[in-house]
């Protein structure tokens, strides 16, 4: 079973999509239809399966964007805002880094390393 379940979102694999499409093609167009990889109908069916796979991936991303622990970017802001929480804005990092070569060289943030 795929889609939204009590265990979360279960996405169909490409192979499952192809199997479902094959069954529907055979039901609608007859059991003698050629759906091999090289046939015209088989190629069209696989192109459709690729597009449906992308739609399933997008649906999964949309589903998980509704939860604070799986959302990212703007979706995370939208999930946290009704809860009264906000993400902290991005900050610049000011750190010291030590690089070791033949002798110790300490580089402050924004120093030019071209003289190394």
C-alpha atoms as a PDB file:
ATOM      1  CA  UNK A   1       0.000   0.000   0.000  1.00  0.00           C
ATOM      2  CA  UNK A   2       1.282   3.448  -0.827  1.00  0.00           C
ATOM      3  CA  UNK A   3       0.343   6.996   0.037  1.00  0.00           C
ATOM      4  CA  UNK A   4      -0.422   8.370   3.481  1.00  0.00           C
ATOM      5  CA  UNK A   5      -0.730   5.595   6.057  1.00  0.00           C
ATOM      6  CA  UNK A   6      -0.682   5.392   9.839  1.00  0.00           C
ATOM      7  CA  UNK A   7       3.072   4.767   9.557  1.00  0.00           C
ATOM      8  CA  UNK A   8       3.743   7.888   7.486  1.00  0.00           C
ATOM      9  CA  UNK A   9       4.059   8.366   3.759  1.00  0.00           C
ATOM     10  CA  UNK A  10       4.819   5.224   1.764  1.00  0.00           C
ATOM     11  CA  UNK A  11       6.039   6.112  -1.719  1.00  0.00           C
ATOM     12  CA  UNK A  12       5.572   3.731  -4.634  1.00  0.00           C
ATOM     13  CA  UNK A  13       8.779   2.614  -6.269  1.00  0.00           C
ATOM     14  CA  UNK A  14       9.262   2.969 -10.014  1.00  0.00           C
ATOM     15  CA  UNK A  15       8.914  -0.813 -10.401  1.00  0.00           C
ATOM     16  CA  UNK A  16       5.584  -0.777  -8.551  1.00  0.00           C
ATOM     17  CA  UNK A  17       4.372   2.043 -10.787  1.00  0.00           C
ATOM     18  CA  UNK A  18       5.375   0.097 -13.909  1.00  0.00           C
ATOM     19  CA  UNK A  19       3.613  -3.043 -12.624  1.00  0.00           C
ATOM     20  CA  UNK A  20       0.428  -1.076 -11.925  1.00  0.00           C
ATOM     21  CA  UNK A  21       0.555   0.586 -15.343  1.00  0.00           C
ATOM     22  CA  UNK A  22       1.126  -2.755 -17.082  1.00  0.00           C
ATOM     23  CA  UNK A  23      -1.933  -4.202 -15.359  1.00  0.00           C
ATOM     24  CA  UNK A  24      -4.057  -1.187 -16.330  1.00  0.00           C
ATOM     25  CA  UNK A  25      -2.804  -1.213 -19.926  1.00  0.00           C
ATOM     26  CA  UNK A  26      -3.550  -4.937 -20.253  1.00  0.00           C
ATOM     27  CA  UNK A  27      -7.022  -4.464 -18.737  1.00  0.00           C
ATOM     28  CA  UNK A  28      -7.873  -1.517 -20.967  1.00  0.00           C
ATOM     29  CA  UNK A  29      -6.128  -2.493 -24.197  1.00  0.00           C
ATOM     30  CA  UNK A  30      -6.127  -6.285 -24.090  1.00  0.00           C
ATOM     31  CA  UNK A  31      -3.806  -8.912 -22.692  1.00  0.00           C
ATOM     32  CA  UNK A  32      -1.922  -9.296 -25.992  1.00  0.00           C
ATOM     33  CA  UNK A  33      -0.493  -5.753 -25.959  1.00  0.00           C
ATOM     34  CA  UNK A  34       3.308  -5.585 -26.351  1.00  0.00           C
ATOM     35  CA  UNK A  35       4.719  -3.640 -23.395  1.00  0.00           C
ATOM     36  CA  UNK A  36       8.351  -4.670 -23.821  1.00  0.00           C
ATOM     37  CA  UNK A  37      11.097  -2.093 -23.369  1.00  0.00           C
ATOM     38  CA  UNK A  38      11.543  -1.687 -27.132  1.00  0.00           C
ATOM     39  CA  UNK A  39       7.876  -1.435 -28.110  1.00  0.00           C
ATOM     40  CA  UNK A  40       6.227   1.929 -28.670  1.00  0.00           C
ATOM     41  CA  UNK A  41       3.611   1.324 -25.966  1.00  0.00           C
ATOM     42  CA  UNK A  42       6.283   0.064 -23.564  1.00  0.00           C
ATOM     43  CA  UNK A  43       8.398   3.175 -24.107  1.00  0.00           C
ATOM     44  CA  UNK A  44       5.409   5.465 -23.557  1.00  0.00           C
ATOM     45  CA  UNK A  45       4.427   3.530 -20.436  1.00  0.00           C
ATOM     46  CA  UNK A  46       7.950   3.872 -18.981  1.00  0.00           C
ATOM     47  CA  UNK A  47       8.052   7.595 -19.746  1.00  0.00           C
ATOM     48  CA  UNK A  48       4.719   7.920 -17.933  1.00  0.00           C
ATOM     49  CA  UNK A  49       6.113   5.815 -15.058  1.00  0.00           C
ATOM     50  CA  UNK A  50       9.099   8.173 -14.746  1.00  0.00           C
ATOM     51  CA  UNK A  51       6.787  11.182 -14.560  1.00  0.00           C
ATOM     52  CA  UNK A  52       4.539   9.479 -12.003  1.00  0.00           C
ATOM     53  CA  UNK A  53       7.627   8.576  -9.956  1.00  0.00           C
ATOM     54  CA  UNK A  54       8.594  12.262  -9.860  1.00  0.00           C
ATOM     55  CA  UNK A  55       5.052  13.150  -8.749  1.00  0.00           C
ATOM     56  CA  UNK A  56       5.239  10.551  -5.971  1.00  0.00           C
ATOM     57  CA  UNK A  57       8.596  11.980  -4.811  1.00  0.00           C
ATOM     58  CA  UNK A  58       7.097  15.471  -4.778  1.00  0.00           C
ATOM     59  CA  UNK A  59       4.063  14.245  -2.826  1.00  0.00           C
ATOM     60  CA  UNK A  60       6.398  12.662  -0.267  1.00  0.00           C
ATOM     61  CA  UNK A  61       8.377  15.913   0.063  1.00  0.00           C
ATOM     62  CA  UNK A  62       5.147  17.883   0.518  1.00  0.00           C
ATOM     63  CA  UNK A  63       3.894  15.440   3.158  1.00  0.00           C
ATOM     64  CA  UNK A  64       7.094  15.626   5.205  1.00  0.00           C
ATOM     65  CA  UNK A  65       7.307  19.424   4.888  1.00  0.00           C
ATOM     66  CA  UNK A  66       4.380  19.646   7.332  1.00  0.00           C
ATOM     67  CA  UNK A  67       6.413  18.435  10.319  1.00  0.00           C
ATOM     68  CA  UNK A  68       8.956  20.482  12.253  1.00  0.00           C
ATOM     69  CA  UNK A  69      11.538  17.691  12.423  1.00  0.00           C
ATOM     70  CA  UNK A  70      11.509  16.999   8.663  1.00  0.00           C
ATOM     71  CA  UNK A  71      10.683  20.416   7.168  1.00  0.00           C
ATOM     72  CA  UNK A  72      13.408  22.676   5.768  1.00  0.00           C
ATOM     73  CA  UNK A  73      13.662  26.271   4.613  1.00  0.00           C
ATOM     74  CA  UNK A  74      10.446  28.223   4.179  1.00  0.00           C
ATOM     75  CA  UNK A  75       8.362  25.147   5.017  1.00  0.00           C
ATOM     76  CA  UNK A  76      10.056  24.993   8.416  1.00  0.00           C
ATOM     77  CA  UNK A  77       9.253  28.671   9.027  1.00  0.00           C
ATOM     78  CA  UNK A  78       5.614  28.048   8.149  1.00  0.00           C
ATOM     79  CA  UNK A  79       5.383  25.028  10.446  1.00  0.00           C
ATOM     80  CA  UNK A  80       7.015  26.777  13.409  1.00  0.00           C
ATOM     81  CA  UNK A  81       5.179  30.110  13.145  1.00  0.00           C
ATOM     82  CA  UNK A  82       1.705  28.888  14.285  1.00  0.00           C
ATOM     83  CA  UNK A  83       3.410  27.112  17.192  1.00  0.00           C
ATOM     84  CA  UNK A  84       4.839  30.425  18.391  1.00  0.00           C
ATOM     85  CA  UNK A  85       8.396  29.488  17.484  1.00  0.00           C
ATOM     86  CA  UNK A  86      10.744  31.117  15.051  1.00  0.00           C
ATOM     87  CA  UNK A  87      14.037  30.074  13.578  1.00  0.00           C
ATOM     88  CA  UNK A  88      16.980  32.235  14.477  1.00  0.00           C
ATOM     89  CA  UNK A  89      18.216  34.207  11.497  1.00  0.00           C
ATOM     90  CA  UNK A  90      21.508  33.224   9.932  1.00  0.00           C
ATOM     91  CA  UNK A  91      24.610  34.645  11.634  1.00  0.00           C
ATOM     92  CA  UNK A  92      28.151  35.163  10.472  1.00  0.00           C
ATOM     93  CA  UNK A  93      30.670  32.775  11.944  1.00  0.00           C
ATOM     94  CA  UNK A  94      33.756  34.212  13.622  1.00  0.00           C
ATOM     95  CA  UNK A  95      36.131  31.416  14.476  1.00  0.00           C
ATOM     96  CA  UNK A  96      39.849  30.754  14.613  1.00  0.00           C
ATOM     97  CA  UNK A  97      41.172  27.921  12.533  1.00  0.00           C
ATOM     98  CA  UNK A  98      44.571  26.304  12.886  1.00  0.00           C
ATOM     99  CA  UNK A  99      46.140  24.828   9.777  1.00  0.00           C
ATOM    100  CA  UNK A 100      49.257  22.743  10.104  1.00  0.00           C
ATOM    101  CA  UNK A 101      51.894  22.592   7.441  1.00  0.00           C
ATOM    102  CA  UNK A 102      55.639  22.703   8.119  1.00  0.00           C
ATOM    103  CA  UNK A 103      55.063  25.296  10.779  1.00  0.00           C
ATOM    104  CA  UNK A 104      51.939  26.342  12.601  1.00  0.00           C
ATOM    105  CA  UNK A 105      49.887  29.053  10.897  1.00  0.00           C
ATOM    106  CA  UNK A 106      46.824  30.553  12.584  1.00  0.00           C
ATOM    107  CA  UNK A 107      44.316  32.198  10.292  1.00  0.00           C
ATOM    108  CA  UNK A 108      41.768  34.684  11.544  1.00  0.00           C
ATOM    109  CA  UNK A 109      38.441  34.921   9.747  1.00  0.00           C
ATOM    110  CA  UNK A 110      38.760  36.980   6.524  1.00  0.00           C
ATOM    111  CA  UNK A 111      42.548  36.606   6.330  1.00  0.00           C
ATOM    112  CA  UNK A 112      43.967  35.910   2.944  1.00  0.00           C
ATOM    113  CA  UNK A 113      45.441  32.436   2.565  1.00  0.00           C
ATOM    114  CA  UNK A 114      47.195  33.179  -0.732  1.00  0.00           C
ATOM    115  CA  UNK A 115      50.551  33.689   1.056  1.00  0.00           C
ATOM    116  CA  UNK A 116      50.549  30.133   2.292  1.00  0.00           C
END
